[in-house]
Amino acid sequence: MFGQKYLMELLSDYVEKGLMESDLASLQPKDRILVVEKFASYLIPKQAAVTTNVNVNTEEQKSVIDQLRELAQDNE
């Protein structure tokens, strides 16, 4: 029905003719902020939460250290 190109042209005309500015000016301040916030969500990248899961097995870690000590002793 409506393609991306059509919607871009529609929005472009809406902004260029000053209609968007006048519509925003006619809103209550709280509503104006909500509209601007919604537009900003398309322009400003959202930060995603990053989680990591680190498991350290101390027995494996000790065995590696022990192995290194043994190798060091063998070379002495």
Protein backbone atom coordinates (compact mmCIF):
# COMPACT_ATOMS: atom_id res chain seq x y z
CA MET A 1 0.00 0.00 0.00
CA PHE A 2 2.45 2.67 1.21
CA GLY A 3 6.04 2.19 0.22
CA GLN A 4 9.06 3.53 2.03
CA LYS A 5 9.67 6.11 -0.71
CA TYR A 6 6.10 7.42 -0.42
CA LEU A 7 6.33 7.75 3.35
CA MET A 8 9.68 9.54 3.09
CA GLU A 9 8.23 12.03 0.61
CA LEU A 10 5.15 12.53 2.77
CA LEU A 11 7.26 13.26 5.85
CA SER A 12 9.61 15.47 3.86
CA ASP A 13 6.71 17.58 2.56
CA TYR A 14 5.23 17.71 6.05
CA VAL A 15 8.46 19.12 7.46
CA GLU A 16 9.34 21.42 4.53
CA LYS A 17 5.91 23.08 4.51
CA GLY A 18 6.25 23.91 8.21
CA LEU A 19 3.27 21.77 9.14
CA MET A 20 5.23 19.68 11.59
CA GLU A 21 6.52 22.74 13.39
CA SER A 22 3.08 24.27 13.66
CA ASP A 23 1.55 20.98 14.80
CA LEU A 24 4.22 20.61 17.47
CA ALA A 25 3.66 24.20 18.61
CA SER A 26 -0.07 23.53 18.98
CA LEU A 27 0.54 20.65 21.41
CA GLN A 28 0.66 20.90 25.16
CA PRO A 29 4.28 20.91 26.42
CA LYS A 30 4.02 17.39 27.88
CA ASP A 31 2.62 16.05 24.59
CA ARG A 32 5.29 17.89 22.60
CA ILE A 33 8.01 16.25 24.67
CA LEU A 34 6.45 12.82 24.09
CA VAL A 35 6.43 13.34 20.33
CA VAL A 36 10.03 14.57 20.27
CA GLU A 37 11.06 11.62 22.43
CA LYS A 38 9.45 9.17 19.99
CA PHE A 39 11.22 10.77 17.04
CA ALA A 40 14.52 10.75 18.95
CA SER A 41 14.24 7.00 19.46
CA TYR A 42 14.63 6.60 15.68
CA LEU A 43 17.64 8.92 15.50
CA ILE A 44 19.65 8.04 18.60
CA PRO A 45 21.04 4.52 18.84
CA LYS A 46 19.82 2.56 21.82
CA GLN A 47 22.32 0.98 24.14
CA ALA A 48 21.84 -2.70 24.66
CA ALA A 49 22.59 -4.39 27.94
CA VAL A 50 25.65 -6.57 27.81
CA THR A 51 25.94 -9.55 30.08
CA THR A 52 28.78 -11.95 30.49
CA ASN A 53 28.95 -15.25 32.23
CA VAL A 54 32.36 -16.24 33.49
CA ASN A 55 32.92 -19.56 35.16
CA VAL A 56 36.29 -20.26 36.68
CA ASN A 57 36.97 -23.76 37.82
CA THR A 58 39.65 -23.41 40.50
CA GLU A 59 40.61 -27.07 40.29
CA GLU A 60 41.44 -26.73 36.60
CA GLN A 61 43.25 -23.51 37.32
CA LYS A 62 45.28 -25.18 40.08
CA SER A 63 46.09 -28.12 37.87
CA VAL A 64 47.44 -25.81 35.18
CA ILE A 65 49.55 -23.99 37.75
CA ASP A 66 50.73 -27.29 39.16
CA GLN A 67 51.61 -28.50 35.67
CA LEU A 68 53.62 -25.35 35.03
CA ARG A 69 55.49 -25.81 38.30
CA GLU A 70 56.27 -29.40 37.39
CA LEU A 71 57.55 -28.34 33.98
CA ALA A 72 59.70 -25.67 35.60
CA GLN A 73 61.15 -28.18 38.05
CA ASP A 74 61.90 -30.64 35.23
CA ASN A 75 63.90 -27.99 33.41
CA GLU A 76 66.06 -27.16 36.46
